[in-house]
Amino acid sequence: VASASILLIIYRFYRSMVTEEGYLMHTLPVSTESHIFSKLTVASI
């Protein structure tokens, strides 16, 4: 549980921002700041 918060934060950001899934994320009509802030907020939660 303690390590998952770190590993999953890294995994989710990497997968959704710089892999194939990133193509879809970056085509959304959303600013880069919103992408980062949403992931940061959820990671903190």
All heavy atoms as atom14 arrays in JSON, in Angstrom:
{
  "sequence": "VASASILLIIYRFYRSMVTEEGYLMHTLPVSTESHIFSKLTVASI",
  "atom14_mask": [
    [1, 1, 1, 1, 1, 1, 1, 0, 0, 0, 0, 0, 0, 0],
    [1, 1, 1, 1, 1, 0, 0, 0, 0, 0, 0, 0, 0, 0],
    [1, 1, 1, 1, 1, 1, 0, 0, 0, 0, 0, 0, 0, 0],
    [1, 1, 1, 1, 1, 0, 0, 0, 0, 0, 0, 0, 0, 0],
    [1, 1, 1, 1, 1, 1, 0, 0, 0, 0, 0, 0, 0, 0],
    [1, 1, 1, 1, 1, 1, 1, 1, 0, 0, 0, 0, 0, 0],
    [1, 1, 1, 1, 1, 1, 1, 1, 0, 0, 0, 0, 0, 0],
    [1, 1, 1, 1, 1, 1, 1, 1, 0, 0, 0, 0, 0, 0],
    [1, 1, 1, 1, 1, 1, 1, 1, 0, 0, 0, 0, 0, 0],
    [1, 1, 1, 1, 1, 1, 1, 1, 0, 0, 0, 0, 0, 0],
    [1, 1, 1, 1, 1, 1, 1, 1, 1, 1, 1, 1, 0, 0],
    [1, 1, 1, 1, 1, 1, 1, 1, 1, 1, 1, 0, 0, 0],
    [1, 1, 1, 1, 1, 1, 1, 1, 1, 1, 1, 0, 0, 0],
    [1, 1, 1, 1, 1, 1, 1, 1, 1, 1, 1, 1, 0, 0],
    [1, 1, 1, 1, 1, 1, 1, 1, 1, 1, 1, 0, 0, 0],
    [1, 1, 1, 1, 1, 1, 0, 0, 0, 0, 0, 0, 0, 0],
    [1, 1, 1, 1, 1, 1, 1, 1, 0, 0, 0, 0, 0, 0],
    [1, 1, 1, 1, 1, 1, 1, 0, 0, 0, 0, 0, 0, 0],
    [1, 1, 1, 1, 1, 1, 1, 0, 0, 0, 0, 0, 0, 0],
    [1, 1, 1, 1, 1, 1, 1, 1, 1, 0, 0, 0, 0, 0],
    [1, 1, 1, 1, 1, 1, 1, 1, 1, 0, 0, 0, 0, 0],
    [1, 1, 1, 1, 0, 0, 0, 0, 0, 0, 0, 0, 0, 0],
    [1, 1, 1, 1, 1, 1, 1, 1, 1, 1, 1, 1, 0, 0],
    [1, 1, 1, 1, 1, 1, 1, 1, 0, 0, 0, 0, 0, 0],
    [1, 1, 1, 1, 1, 1, 1, 1, 0, 0, 0, 0, 0, 0],
    [1, 1, 1, 1, 1, 1, 1, 1, 1, 1, 0, 0, 0, 0],
    [1, 1, 1, 1, 1, 1, 1, 0, 0, 0, 0, 0, 0, 0],
    [1, 1, 1, 1, 1, 1, 1, 1, 0, 0, 0, 0, 0, 0],
    [1, 1, 1, 1, 1, 1, 1, 0, 0, 0, 0, 0, 0, 0],
    [1, 1, 1, 1, 1, 1, 1, 0, 0, 0, 0, 0, 0, 0],
    [1, 1, 1, 1, 1, 1, 0, 0, 0, 0, 0, 0, 0, 0],
    [1, 1, 1, 1, 1, 1, 1, 0, 0, 0, 0, 0, 0, 0],
    [1, 1, 1, 1, 1, 1, 1, 1, 1, 0, 0, 0, 0, 0],
    [1, 1, 1, 1, 1, 1, 0, 0, 0, 0, 0, 0, 0, 0],
    [1, 1, 1, 1, 1, 1, 1, 1, 1, 1, 0, 0, 0, 0],
    [1, 1, 1, 1, 1, 1, 1, 1, 0, 0, 0, 0, 0, 0],
    [1, 1, 1, 1, 1, 1, 1, 1, 1, 1, 1, 0, 0, 0],
    [1, 1, 1, 1, 1, 1, 0, 0, 0, 0, 0, 0, 0, 0],
    [1, 1, 1, 1, 1, 1, 1, 1, 1, 0, 0, 0, 0, 0],
    [1, 1, 1, 1, 1, 1, 1, 1, 0, 0, 0, 0, 0, 0],
    [1, 1, 1, 1, 1, 1, 1, 0, 0, 0, 0, 0, 0, 0],
    [1, 1, 1, 1, 1, 1, 1, 0, 0, 0, 0, 0, 0, 0],
    [1, 1, 1, 1, 1, 0, 0, 0, 0, 0, 0, 0, 0, 0],
    [1, 1, 1, 1, 1, 1, 0, 0, 0, 0, 0, 0, 0, 0],
    [1, 1, 1, 1, 1, 1, 1, 1, 0, 0, 0, 0, 0, 0]
  ],
  "atom14_positions": [
    [[0.84, -1.2, 0.0], [0.0, 0.0, 0.0], [0.87, 1.25, 0.0], [0.6, 2.22, -0.72], [-0.95, 0.0, 1.22], [-1.6, 1.37, 1.39], [-2.01, -1.07, 1.06], [0.0, 0.0, 0.0], [0.0, 0.0, 0.0], [0.0, 0.0, 0.0], [0.0, 0.0, 0.0], [0.0, 0.0, 0.0], [0.0, 0.0, 0.0], [0.0, 0.0, 0.0]],
    [[1.94, 1.24, 0.81], [2.82, 2.4, 0.89], [3.57, 2.64, -0.41], [3.71, 3.79, -0.85], [3.81, 2.22, 2.04], [0.0, 0.0, 0.0], [0.0, 0.0, 0.0], [0.0, 0.0, 0.0], [0.0, 0.0, 0.0], [0.0, 0.0, 0.0], [0.0, 0.0, 0.0], [0.0, 0.0, 0.0], [0.0, 0.0, 0.0], [0.0, 0.0, 0.0]],
    [[4.04, 1.57, -1.03], [4.82, 1.73, -2.26], [3.95, 1.9, -3.49], [4.39, 2.49, -4.49], [5.74, 0.51, -2.45], [4.99, -0.69, -2.52], [0.0, 0.0, 0.0], [0.0, 0.0, 0.0], [0.0, 0.0, 0.0], [0.0, 0.0, 0.0], [0.0, 0.0, 0.0], [0.0, 0.0, 0.0], [0.0, 0.0, 0.0], [0.0, 0.0, 0.0]],
    [[2.7, 1.41, -3.42], [1.83, 1.49, -4.59], [1.54, 2.92, -4.98], [1.44, 3.25, -6.17], [0.52, 0.75, -4.31], [0.0, 0.0, 0.0], [0.0, 0.0, 0.0], [0.0, 0.0, 0.0], [0.0, 0.0, 0.0], [0.0, 0.0, 0.0], [0.0, 0.0, 0.0], [0.0, 0.0, 0.0], [0.0, 0.0, 0.0], [0.0, 0.0, 0.0]],
    [[1.41, 3.79, -3.98], [1.1, 5.19, -4.29], [2.21, 5.82, -5.12], [1.95, 6.68, -5.96], [0.89, 5.99, -3.0], [2.05, 5.96, -2.19], [0.0, 0.0, 0.0], [0.0, 0.0, 0.0], [0.0, 0.0, 0.0], [0.0, 0.0, 0.0], [0.0, 0.0, 0.0], [0.0, 0.0, 0.0], [0.0, 0.0, 0.0], [0.0, 0.0, 0.0]],
    [[3.45, 5.38, -4.91], [4.57, 5.9, -5.68], [4.61, 5.24, -7.06], [4.66, 5.91, -8.1], [5.9, 5.68, -4.94], [5.9, 6.42, -3.6], [7.08, 6.11, -5.8], [7.11, 6.13, -2.74], [0.0, 0.0, 0.0], [0.0, 0.0, 0.0], [0.0, 0.0, 0.0], [0.0, 0.0, 0.0], [0.0, 0.0, 0.0], [0.0, 0.0, 0.0]],
    [[4.59, 3.91, -7.06], [4.76, 3.17, -8.32], [3.61, 3.43, -9.29], [3.83, 3.62, -10.49], [4.87, 1.68, -8.02], [6.08, 1.26, -7.18], [6.04, -0.23, -6.87], [7.38, 1.62, -7.89], [0.0, 0.0, 0.0], [0.0, 0.0, 0.0], [0.0, 0.0, 0.0], [0.0, 0.0, 0.0], [0.0, 0.0, 0.0], [0.0, 0.0, 0.0]],
    [[2.39, 3.47, -8.76], [1.24, 3.68, -9.64], [1.17, 5.13, -10.15], [0.7, 5.37, -11.26], [-0.05, 3.31, -8.91], [-0.25, 1.82, -8.66], [-1.49, 1.57, -7.82], [-0.34, 1.06, -9.97], [0.0, 0.0, 0.0], [0.0, 0.0, 0.0], [0.0, 0.0, 0.0], [0.0, 0.0, 0.0], [0.0, 0.0, 0.0], [0.0, 0.0, 0.0]],
    [[1.61, 6.07, -9.34], [1.69, 7.46, -9.79], [2.62, 7.57, -11.0], [2.31, 8.19, -12.02], [2.17, 8.38, -8.65], [1.06, 8.59, -7.63], [2.64, 9.73, -9.19], [1.53, 9.25, -6.35], [0.0, 0.0, 0.0], [0.0, 0.0, 0.0], [0.0, 0.0, 0.0], [0.0, 0.0, 0.0], [0.0, 0.0, 0.0], [0.0, 0.0, 0.0]],
    [[3.79, 6.93, -10.88], [4.76, 6.96, -11.98], [4.2, 6.23, -13.19], [4.27, 6.72, -14.33], [6.09, 6.32, -11.52], [6.7, 7.12, -10.38], [7.06, 6.21, -12.68], [7.91, 6.45, -9.74], [0.0, 0.0, 0.0], [0.0, 0.0, 0.0], [0.0, 0.0, 0.0], [0.0, 0.0, 0.0], [0.0, 0.0, 0.0], [0.0, 0.0, 0.0]],
    [[3.63, 5.04, -12.94], [3.11, 4.22, -14.04], [2.01, 4.93, -14.8], [2.02, 4.98, -16.04], [2.6, 2.9, -13.47], [1.81, 2.07, -14.47], [2.46, 1.36, -15.48], [0.42, 1.98, -14.39], [1.75, 0.6, -16.4], [-0.3, 1.22, -15.29], [0.37, 0.55, -16.3], [-0.34, -0.2, -17.2], [0.0, 0.0, 0.0], [0.0, 0.0, 0.0]],
    [[1.05, 5.52, -14.07], [-0.09, 6.17, -14.73], [0.36, 7.38, -15.54], [-0.09, 7.59, -16.68], [-1.12, 6.6, -13.69], [-2.1, 5.53, -13.3], [-2.93, 5.07, -14.46], [-3.64, 6.19, -15.11], [-4.25, 6.08, -16.27], [-4.22, 4.94, -16.95], [-4.88, 7.12, -16.79], [0.0, 0.0, 0.0], [0.0, 0.0, 0.0], [0.0, 0.0, 0.0]],
    [[1.24, 8.18, -14.98], [1.68, 9.38, -15.71], [2.46, 8.98, -16.95], [2.25, 9.55, -18.04], [2.53, 10.27, -14.81], [2.84, 11.61, -15.4], [1.92, 12.64, -15.3], [4.04, 11.84, -16.06], [2.2, 13.89, -15.85], [4.32, 13.08, -16.62], [3.39, 14.11, -16.51], [0.0, 0.0, 0.0], [0.0, 0.0, 0.0], [0.0, 0.0, 0.0]],
    [[3.37, 8.02, -16.8], [4.18, 7.6, -17.94], [3.3, 7.0, -19.03], [3.45, 7.34, -20.21], [5.22, 6.57, -17.48], [6.18, 6.14, -18.57], [7.33, 6.88, -18.83], [5.91, 5.02, -19.35], [8.21, 6.5, -19.85], [6.79, 4.63, -20.36], [7.92, 5.38, -20.6], [8.78, 5.01, -21.61], [0.0, 0.0, 0.0], [0.0, 0.0, 0.0]],
    [[2.4, 6.12, -18.65], [1.57, 5.44, -19.64], [0.64, 6.41, -20.36], [0.47, 6.31, -21.58], [0.76, 4.33, -18.96], [-0.14, 3.58, -19.93], [-0.89, 2.48, -19.24], [-1.81, 1.83, -20.17], [-2.64, 0.85, -19.83], [-2.64, 0.39, -18.59], [-3.45, 0.32, -20.73], [0.0, 0.0, 0.0], [0.0, 0.0, 0.0], [0.0, 0.0, 0.0]],
    [[0.04, 7.32, -19.62], [-0.98, 8.18, -20.21], [-0.42, 9.42, -20.9], [-1.16, 10.13, -21.58], [-1.98, 8.62, -19.14], [-1.35, 9.37, -18.14], [0.0, 0.0, 0.0], [0.0, 0.0, 0.0], [0.0, 0.0, 0.0], [0.0, 0.0, 0.0], [0.0, 0.0, 0.0], [0.0, 0.0, 0.0], [0.0, 0.0, 0.0], [0.0, 0.0, 0.0]],
    [[0.89, 9.68, -20.72], [1.44, 10.9, -21.28], [2.51, 10.68, -22.34], [2.69, 11.53, -23.22], [2.03, 11.77, -20.16], [0.99, 12.29, -19.17], [-0.22, 13.42, -19.89], [0.74, 14.93, -19.97], [0.0, 0.0, 0.0], [0.0, 0.0, 0.0], [0.0, 0.0, 0.0], [0.0, 0.0, 0.0], [0.0, 0.0, 0.0], [0.0, 0.0, 0.0]],
    [[3.24, 9.56, -22.29], [4.35, 9.4, -23.23], [4.33, 8.08, -23.99], [5.24, 7.82, -24.78], [5.71, 9.54, -22.5], [5.85, 10.89, -21.86], [5.89, 8.45, -21.46], [0.0, 0.0, 0.0], [0.0, 0.0, 0.0], [0.0, 0.0, 0.0], [0.0, 0.0, 0.0], [0.0, 0.0, 0.0], [0.0, 0.0, 0.0], [0.0, 0.0, 0.0]],
    [[3.33, 7.24, -23.8], [3.22, 6.01, -24.58], [2.11, 6.18, -25.62], [1.65, 7.29, -25.89], [2.92, 4.81, -23.66], [1.65, 5.01, -23.03], [3.99, 4.67, -22.59], [0.0, 0.0, 0.0], [0.0, 0.0, 0.0], [0.0, 0.0, 0.0], [0.0, 0.0, 0.0], [0.0, 0.0, 0.0], [0.0, 0.0, 0.0], [0.0, 0.0, 0.0]],
    [[1.64, 5.06, -26.18], [0.59, 5.13, -27.19], [-0.66, 5.83, -26.67], [-1.35, 6.54, -27.4], [0.24, 3.72, -27.68], [1.3, 3.06, -28.53], [2.42, 2.45, -27.69], [2.34, 2.55, -26.44], [3.37, 1.9, -28.28], [0.0, 0.0, 0.0], [0.0, 0.0, 0.0], [0.0, 0.0, 0.0], [0.0, 0.0, 0.0], [0.0, 0.0, 0.0]],
    [[-0.96, 5.61, -25.38], [-2.12, 6.27, -24.8], [-1.96, 7.79, -24.81], [-2.95, 8.53, -24.81], [-2.33, 5.77, -23.37], [-3.62, 6.22, -22.72], [-3.81, 5.65, -21.32], [-3.26, 4.57, -21.03], [-4.51, 6.3, -20.53], [0.0, 0.0, 0.0], [0.0, 0.0, 0.0], [0.0, 0.0, 0.0], [0.0, 0.0, 0.0], [0.0, 0.0, 0.0]],
    [[-0.71, 8.25, -24.81], [-0.45, 9.68, -24.84], [-0.96, 10.35, -26.1], [-1.33, 11.53, -26.07], [0.0, 0.0, 0.0], [0.0, 0.0, 0.0], [0.0, 0.0, 0.0], [0.0, 0.0, 0.0], [0.0, 0.0, 0.0], [0.0, 0.0, 0.0], [0.0, 0.0, 0.0], [0.0, 0.0, 0.0], [0.0, 0.0, 0.0], [0.0, 0.0, 0.0]],
    [[-0.98, 9.61, -27.22], [-1.51, 10.19, -28.45], [-2.95, 10.65, -28.25], [-3.34, 11.75, -28.66], [-1.46, 9.15, -29.58], [-0.09, 8.95, -30.17], [0.66, 7.81, -29.86], [0.45, 9.87, -31.05], [1.92, 7.6, -30.4], [1.72, 9.68, -31.61], [2.44, 8.54, -31.28], [3.68, 8.35, -31.82], [0.0, 0.0, 0.0], [0.0, 0.0, 0.0]],
    [[-3.75, 9.8, -27.61], [-5.15, 10.13, -27.38], [-5.28, 11.29, -26.39], [-6.07, 12.21, -26.61], [-5.9, 8.9, -26.85], [-7.36, 9.1, -26.46], [-8.17, 9.57, -27.67], [-7.94, 7.82, -25.88], [0.0, 0.0, 0.0], [0.0, 0.0, 0.0], [0.0, 0.0, 0.0], [0.0, 0.0, 0.0], [0.0, 0.0, 0.0], [0.0, 0.0, 0.0]],
    [[-4.49, 11.24, -25.31], [-4.59, 12.27, -24.29], [-4.26, 13.65, -24.85], [-4.93, 14.63, -24.53], [-3.64, 11.95, -23.13], [-4.01, 10.69, -22.34], [-5.59, 10.84, -21.48], [-5.17, 12.05, -20.24], [0.0, 0.0, 0.0], [0.0, 0.0, 0.0], [0.0, 0.0, 0.0], [0.0, 0.0, 0.0], [0.0, 0.0, 0.0], [0.0, 0.0, 0.0]],
    [[-3.24, 13.71, -25.71], [-2.79, 15.0, -26.21], [-3.64, 15.53, -27.36], [-3.46, 16.68, -27.77], [-1.32, 14.92, -26.63], [-0.38, 14.71, -25.49], [-0.16, 15.67, -24.52], [0.38, 13.65, -25.13], [0.72, 15.21, -23.63], [1.05, 13.98, -23.98], [0.0, 0.0, 0.0], [0.0, 0.0, 0.0], [0.0, 0.0, 0.0], [0.0, 0.0, 0.0]],
    [[-4.54, 14.69, -27.87], [-5.47, 15.19, -28.9], [-6.73, 15.78, -28.29], [-7.52, 16.4, -29.01], [-5.86, 14.05, -29.86], [-6.43, 12.96, -29.11], [-4.65, 13.54, -30.63], [0.0, 0.0, 0.0], [0.0, 0.0, 0.0], [0.0, 0.0, 0.0], [0.0, 0.0, 0.0], [0.0, 0.0, 0.0], [0.0, 0.0, 0.0], [0.0, 0.0, 0.0]],
    [[-6.92, 15.6, -26.99], [-8.09, 16.17, -26.33], [-7.97, 17.7, -26.28], [-6.88, 18.24, -26.17], [-8.23, 15.62, -24.9], [-8.5, 14.11, -24.76], [-8.46, 13.71, -23.3], [-9.85, 13.75, -25.38], [0.0, 0.0, 0.0], [0.0, 0.0, 0.0], [0.0, 0.0, 0.0], [0.0, 0.0, 0.0], [0.0, 0.0, 0.0], [0.0, 0.0, 0.0]],
    [[-9.12, 18.38, -26.37], [-9.09, 19.86, -26.32], [-8.89, 20.37, -24.89], [-9.71, 21.11, -24.34], [-10.47, 20.25, -26.86], [-11.34, 19.11, -26.48], [-10.48, 17.87, -26.59], [0.0, 0.0, 0.0], [0.0, 0.0, 0.0], [0.0, 0.0, 0.0], [0.0, 0.0, 0.0], [0.0, 0.0, 0.0], [0.0, 0.0, 0.0], [0.0, 0.0, 0.0]],
    [[-7.77, 19.96, -24.3], [-7.47, 20.31, -22.91], [-6.02, 20.79, -22.85], [-5.15, 20.25, -23.53], [-7.66, 19.09, -21.98], [-7.39, 19.47, -20.54], [-9.06, 18.51, -22.13], [0.0, 0.0, 0.0], [0.0, 0.0, 0.0], [0.0, 0.0, 0.0], [0.0, 0.0, 0.0], [0.0, 0.0, 0.0], [0.0, 0.0, 0.0], [0.0, 0.0, 0.0]],
    [[-5.76, 21.77, -22.03], [-4.41, 22.3, -21.9], [-3.5, 21.3, -21.19], [-3.97, 20.43, -20.43], [-4.42, 23.61, -21.12], [-4.84, 23.39, -19.78], [0.0, 0.0, 0.0], [0.0, 0.0, 0.0], [0.0, 0.0, 0.0], [0.0, 0.0, 0.0], [0.0, 0.0, 0.0], [0.0, 0.0, 0.0], [0.0, 0.0, 0.0], [0.0, 0.0, 0.0]],
    [[-2.21, 21.44, -21.46], [-1.24, 20.57, -20.79], [-1.28, 20.77, -19.28], [-1.14, 19.81, -18.51], [0.19, 20.88, -21.31], [0.21, 20.77, -22.73], [1.2, 19.91, -20.72], [0.0, 0.0, 0.0], [0.0, 0.0, 0.0], [0.0, 0.0, 0.0], [0.0, 0.0, 0.0], [0.0, 0.0, 0.0], [0.0, 0.0, 0.0], [0.0, 0.0, 0.0]],
    [[-1.49, 22.01, -18.86], [-1.58, 22.3, -17.43], [-2.71, 21.5, -16.77], [-2.57, 21.0, -15.65], [-1.8, 23.79, -17.18], [-0.63, 24.67, -17.58], [-0.7, 25.13, -19.02], [-1.49, 24.53, -19.79], [0.02, 26.07, -19.38], [0.0, 0.0, 0.0], [0.0, 0.0, 0.0], [0.0, 0.0, 0.0], [0.0, 0.0, 0.0], [0.0, 0.0, 0.0]],
    [[-3.84, 21.38, -17.47], [-4.99, 20.65, -16.92], [-4.66, 19.16, -16.79], [-5.04, 18.52, -15.8], [-6.22, 20.84, -17.82], [-6.63, 22.19, -17.82], [0.0, 0.0, 0.0], [0.0, 0.0, 0.0], [0.0, 0.0, 0.0], [0.0, 0.0, 0.0], [0.0, 0.0, 0.0], [0.0, 0.0, 0.0], [0.0, 0.0, 0.0], [0.0, 0.0, 0.0]],
    [[-3.97, 18.62, -17.79], [-3.56, 17.21, -17.71], [-2.68, 16.99, -16.48], [-2.9, 16.05, -15.7], [-2.78, 16.82, -18.97], [-3.64, 16.5, -20.15], [-4.57, 15.48, -20.15], [-3.7, 17.07, -21.39], [-5.16, 15.43, -21.33], [-4.67, 16.38, -22.09], [0.0, 0.0, 0.0], [0.0, 0.0, 0.0], [0.0, 0.0, 0.0], [0.0, 0.0, 0.0]],
    [[-1.67, 17.83, -16.33], [-0.74, 17.67, -15.21], [-1.44, 17.88, -13.88], [-1.26, 17.09, -12.94], [0.45, 18.65, -15.36], [1.2, 18.39, -16.65], [1.39, 18.53, -14.16], [2.24, 19.44, -16.98], [0.0, 0.0, 0.0], [0.0, 0.0, 0.0], [0.0, 0.0, 0.0], [0.0, 0.0, 0.0], [0.0, 0.0, 0.0], [0.0, 0.0, 0.0]],
    [[-2.26, 18.93, -13.8], [-2.92, 19.25, -12.54], [-3.9, 18.15, -12.13], [-4.0, 17.81, -10.95], [-3.65, 20.59, -12.65], [-4.22, 21.08, -11.35], [-3.39, 21.62, -10.38], [-5.58, 20.96, -11.08], [-3.91, 22.06, -9.17], [-6.1, 21.39, -9.87], [-5.26, 21.95, -8.91], [0.0, 0.0, 0.0], [0.0, 0.0, 0.0], [0.0, 0.0, 0.0]],
    [[-4.64, 17.59, -13.09], [-5.59, 16.53, -12.77], [-4.88, 15.3, -12.23], [-5.31, 14.7, -11.24], [-6.43, 16.17, -13.99], [-5.63, 15.61, -15.02], [0.0, 0.0, 0.0], [0.0, 0.0, 0.0], [0.0, 0.0, 0.0], [0.0, 0.0, 0.0], [0.0, 0.0, 0.0], [0.0, 0.0, 0.0], [0.0, 0.0, 0.0], [0.0, 0.0, 0.0]],
    [[-3.78, 14.94, -12.87], [-3.02, 13.77, -12.41], [-2.36, 14.03, -11.06], [-2.29, 13.13, -10.21], [-1.98, 13.38, -13.47], [-2.6, 12.92, -14.78], [-1.55, 12.52, -15.78], [-2.23, 12.13, -17.11], [-3.2, 11.03, -16.93], [0.0, 0.0, 0.0], [0.0, 0.0, 0.0], [0.0, 0.0, 0.0], [0.0, 0.0, 0.0], [0.0, 0.0, 0.0]],
    [[-1.88, 15.26, -10.87], [-1.26, 15.62, -9.6], [-2.28, 15.57, -8.47], [-1.98, 15.06, -7.37], [-0.65, 17.02, -9.71], [-0.03, 17.59, -8.44], [1.14, 16.74, -7.98], [0.43, 19.03, -8.68], [0.0, 0.0, 0.0], [0.0, 0.0, 0.0], [0.0, 0.0, 0.0], [0.0, 0.0, 0.0], [0.0, 0.0, 0.0], [0.0, 0.0, 0.0]],
    [[-3.47, 16.09, -8.7], [-4.51, 16.09, -7.67], [-4.92, 14.68, -7.29], [-5.01, 14.33, -6.1], [-5.74, 16.88, -8.16], [-5.34, 18.2, -8.53], [-6.8, 16.95, -7.07], [0.0, 0.0, 0.0], [0.0, 0.0, 0.0], [0.0, 0.0, 0.0], [0.0, 0.0, 0.0], [0.0, 0.0, 0.0], [0.0, 0.0, 0.0], [0.0, 0.0, 0.0]],
    [[-5.15, 13.84, -8.3], [-5.55, 12.46, -8.04], [-4.43, 11.7, -7.33], [-4.68, 10.92, -6.4], [-5.96, 11.76, -9.34], [-6.2, 10.28, -9.11], [-7.21, 12.41, -9.92], [0.0, 0.0, 0.0], [0.0, 0.0, 0.0], [0.0, 0.0, 0.0], [0.0, 0.0, 0.0], [0.0, 0.0, 0.0], [0.0, 0.0, 0.0], [0.0, 0.0, 0.0]],
    [[-3.19, 11.93, -7.76], [-2.06, 11.27, -7.11], [-1.97, 11.65, -5.64], [-1.7, 10.81, -4.77], [-0.76, 11.64, -7.84], [0.0, 0.0, 0.0], [0.0, 0.0, 0.0], [0.0, 0.0, 0.0], [0.0, 0.0, 0.0], [0.0, 0.0, 0.0], [0.0, 0.0, 0.0], [0.0, 0.0, 0.0], [0.0, 0.0, 0.0], [0.0, 0.0, 0.0]],
    [[-2.23, 12.92, -5.35], [-2.19, 13.38, -3.95], [-3.32, 12.76, -3.13], [-3.13, 12.41, -1.96], [-2.28, 14.91, -3.92], [-1.24, 15.49, -4.65], [0.0, 0.0, 0.0], [0.0, 0.0, 0.0], [0.0, 0.0, 0.0], [0.0, 0.0, 0.0], [0.0, 0.0, 0.0], [0.0, 0.0, 0.0], [0.0, 0.0, 0.0], [0.0, 0.0, 0.0]],
    [[-4.48, 12.62, -3.74], [-5.62, 11.99, -3.05], [-5.27, 10.56, -2.66], [-5.5, 10.13, -1.52], [-6.87, 12.01, -3.94], [-7.4, 13.44, -4.08], [-7.97, 11.1, -3.37], [-8.52, 13.59, -5.09], [0.0, 0.0, 0.0], [0.0, 0.0, 0.0], [0.0, 0.0, 0.0], [0.0, 0.0, 0.0], [0.0, 0.0, 0.0], [0.0, 0.0, 0.0]]
  ]
}
